[in-house]
Amino acid sequence: MDMALDEKKQWAILQLQEKQRRLGRLPKKDDFDETDRARIKAFLGPWPRALEAAGLKEAKPKPPKPHKRKKAANTAGNHPEKERESLE
C-alpha cells in the first residue's frame, strides 16, 4: 500500500466522514480498530486535528501568545561565572 501523502490524507478523511455518517455523531477513536486509528492519526495528526481536517469539527481559535519581556543585558557584576573567573 504505497499511496502518496495526499491520497493517505484523503483516505483518512473519508474514513472519518463515513463513520460520522453511519453513527450520526462525531467519531471517537474507539470507533476504529487500532490499525485504522493509527493510520488516521499518522496522516492527519492528533484526533482533534484529524476531525478538523475532515471538516467534522470547527477548529478552536488559537489564543494569542503572551508578550515576552526582553531581559536586560547581563553585566559582569551580576553574572556569577564571570565573578568566579575574575577571582581565580
C-alpha atoms as a PDB file:
ATOM      1  CA  MET A   1       0.000   0.000   0.000  1.00  0.00           C
ATOM      2  CA  ASP A   2       2.221   2.814  -1.297  1.00  0.00           C
ATOM      3  CA  MET A   3      -0.033   5.867  -1.537  1.00  0.00           C
ATOM      4  CA  ALA A   4       1.079   9.448  -1.881  1.00  0.00           C
ATOM      5  CA  LEU A   5       0.591  11.634   1.203  1.00  0.00           C
ATOM      6  CA  ASP A   6      -2.417  13.431  -0.333  1.00  0.00           C
ATOM      7  CA  GLU A   7      -4.064  10.073  -1.045  1.00  0.00           C
ATOM      8  CA  LYS A   8      -3.373   8.923   2.512  1.00  0.00           C
ATOM      9  CA  LYS A   9      -4.896  12.083   3.935  1.00  0.00           C
ATOM     10  CA  GLN A  10      -7.919  11.731   1.659  1.00  0.00           C
ATOM     11  CA  TRP A  11      -8.355   8.111   2.758  1.00  0.00           C
ATOM     12  CA  ALA A  12      -8.269   9.150   6.432  1.00  0.00           C
ATOM     13  CA  ILE A  13     -10.739  11.993   5.856  1.00  0.00           C
ATOM     14  CA  LEU A  14     -13.146   9.665   4.063  1.00  0.00           C
ATOM     15  CA  GLN A  15     -12.910   7.144   6.924  1.00  0.00           C
ATOM     16  CA  LEU A  16     -13.849   9.812   9.457  1.00  0.00           C
ATOM     17  CA  GLN A  17     -16.652  11.267   7.339  1.00  0.00           C
ATOM     18  CA  GLU A  18     -18.159   7.842   6.597  1.00  0.00           C
ATOM     19  CA  LYS A  19     -18.038   6.856  10.263  1.00  0.00           C
ATOM     20  CA  GLN A  20     -19.822  10.086  11.226  1.00  0.00           C
ATOM     21  CA  ARG A  21     -22.485   9.463   8.590  1.00  0.00           C
ATOM     22  CA  ARG A  22     -23.112   5.929   9.876  1.00  0.00           C
ATOM     23  CA  LEU A  23     -23.056   6.838  13.585  1.00  0.00           C
ATOM     24  CA  GLY A  24     -24.830  10.195  13.361  1.00  0.00           C
ATOM     25  CA  ARG A  25     -22.243  11.763  15.689  1.00  0.00           C
ATOM     26  CA  LEU A  26     -18.577  12.697  15.788  1.00  0.00           C
ATOM     27  CA  PRO A  27     -16.472   9.567  15.551  1.00  0.00           C
ATOM     28  CA  LYS A  28     -14.378   8.662  18.569  1.00  0.00           C
ATOM     29  CA  LYS A  29     -11.010   6.942  18.499  1.00  0.00           C
ATOM     30  CA  ASP A  30     -12.646   3.817  19.929  1.00  0.00           C
ATOM     31  CA  ASP A  31     -14.953   3.647  16.884  1.00  0.00           C
ATOM     32  CA  PHE A  32     -11.959   2.480  14.802  1.00  0.00           C
ATOM     33  CA  ASP A  33      -9.739  -0.549  15.111  1.00  0.00           C
ATOM     34  CA  GLU A  34      -6.179   0.042  16.275  1.00  0.00           C
ATOM     35  CA  THR A  35      -4.680  -0.078  12.776  1.00  0.00           C
ATOM     36  CA  ASP A  36      -7.104   2.413  11.201  1.00  0.00           C
ATOM     37  CA  ARG A  37      -6.892   4.702  14.227  1.00  0.00           C
ATOM     38  CA  ALA A  38      -3.072   4.732  13.994  1.00  0.00           C
ATOM     39  CA  ARG A  39      -3.194   5.468  10.254  1.00  0.00           C
ATOM     40  CA  ILE A  40      -5.713   8.290  10.667  1.00  0.00           C
ATOM     41  CA  LYS A  41      -3.571   9.899  13.364  1.00  0.00           C
ATOM     42  CA  ALA A  42      -0.382   9.392  11.327  1.00  0.00           C
ATOM     43  CA  PHE A  43      -1.909  11.044   8.246  1.00  0.00           C
ATOM     44  CA  LEU A  44      -3.899  13.835   9.942  1.00  0.00           C
ATOM     45  CA  GLY A  45      -2.297  14.384  13.349  1.00  0.00           C
ATOM     46  CA  PRO A  46      -3.841  14.245  16.822  1.00  0.00           C
ATOM     47  CA  TRP A  47      -7.515  13.258  16.964  1.00  0.00           C
ATOM     48  CA  PRO A  48      -8.951  16.797  17.307  1.00  0.00           C
ATOM     49  CA  ARG A  49      -6.862  17.972  14.317  1.00  0.00           C
ATOM     50  CA  ALA A  50      -7.980  14.913  12.337  1.00  0.00           C
ATOM     51  CA  LEU A  51     -11.640  15.764  12.974  1.00  0.00           C
ATOM     52  CA  GLU A  52     -10.939  19.354  11.919  1.00  0.00           C
ATOM     53  CA  ALA A  53      -9.165  18.199   8.748  1.00  0.00           C
ATOM     54  CA  ALA A  54     -12.205  16.086   7.865  1.00  0.00           C
ATOM     55  CA  GLY A  55     -14.472  19.110   8.322  1.00  0.00           C
ATOM     56  CA  LEU A  56     -16.314  17.451  11.207  1.00  0.00           C
ATOM     57  CA  LYS A  57     -15.226  19.825  13.933  1.00  0.00           C
ATOM     58  CA  GLU A  58     -14.560  23.543  13.891  1.00  0.00           C
ATOM     59  CA  ALA A  59     -11.009  24.500  14.757  1.00  0.00           C
ATOM     60  CA  LYS A  60     -10.646  26.337  18.050  1.00  0.00           C
ATOM     61  CA  PRO A  61      -9.061  29.749  17.656  1.00  0.00           C
ATOM     62  CA  LYS A  62      -5.513  29.810  18.933  1.00  0.00           C
ATOM     63  CA  PRO A  63      -5.072  32.037  21.981  1.00  0.00           C
ATOM     64  CA  PRO A  64      -2.743  34.972  21.426  1.00  0.00           C
ATOM     65  CA  LYS A  65       0.823  34.386  22.524  1.00  0.00           C
ATOM     66  CA  PRO A  66       1.767  36.273  25.677  1.00  0.00           C
ATOM     67  CA  HIS A  67       4.048  39.233  25.134  1.00  0.00           C
ATOM     68  CA  LYS A  68       7.538  38.351  26.317  1.00  0.00           C
ATOM     69  CA  ARG A  69       9.564  40.906  28.165  1.00  0.00           C
ATOM     70  CA  LYS A  70      13.094  41.398  26.983  1.00  0.00           C
ATOM     71  CA  LYS A  71      15.805  40.739  29.527  1.00  0.00           C
ATOM     72  CA  ALA A  72      18.337  43.417  30.261  1.00  0.00           C
ATOM     73  CA  ALA A  73      21.853  42.659  29.075  1.00  0.00           C
ATOM     74  CA  ASN A  74      23.885  40.838  31.718  1.00  0.00           C
ATOM     75  CA  THR A  75      26.903  42.608  33.155  1.00  0.00           C
ATOM     76  CA  ALA A  76      29.912  41.006  34.792  1.00  0.00           C
ATOM     77  CA  GLY A  77      28.724  42.297  38.179  1.00  0.00           C
ATOM     78  CA  ASN A  78      25.581  40.130  38.222  1.00  0.00           C
ATOM     79  CA  HIS A  79      26.933  37.085  36.410  1.00  0.00           C
ATOM     80  CA  PRO A  80      28.350  34.528  38.913  1.00  0.00           C
ATOM     81  CA  GLU A  81      30.566  32.736  36.371  1.00  0.00           C
ATOM     82  CA  LYS A  82      32.329  35.962  35.457  1.00  0.00           C
ATOM     83  CA  GLU A  83      32.850  36.819  39.140  1.00  0.00           C
ATOM     84  CA  ARG A  84      34.341  33.374  39.752  1.00  0.00           C
ATOM     85  CA  GLU A  85      36.687  33.753  36.759  1.00  0.00           C
ATOM     86  CA  SER A  86      37.950  37.115  37.998  1.00  0.00           C
ATOM     87  CA  LEU A  87      38.710  35.660  41.458  1.00  0.00           C
ATOM     88  CA  GLU A  88      40.871  32.863  40.067  1.00  0.00           C
END
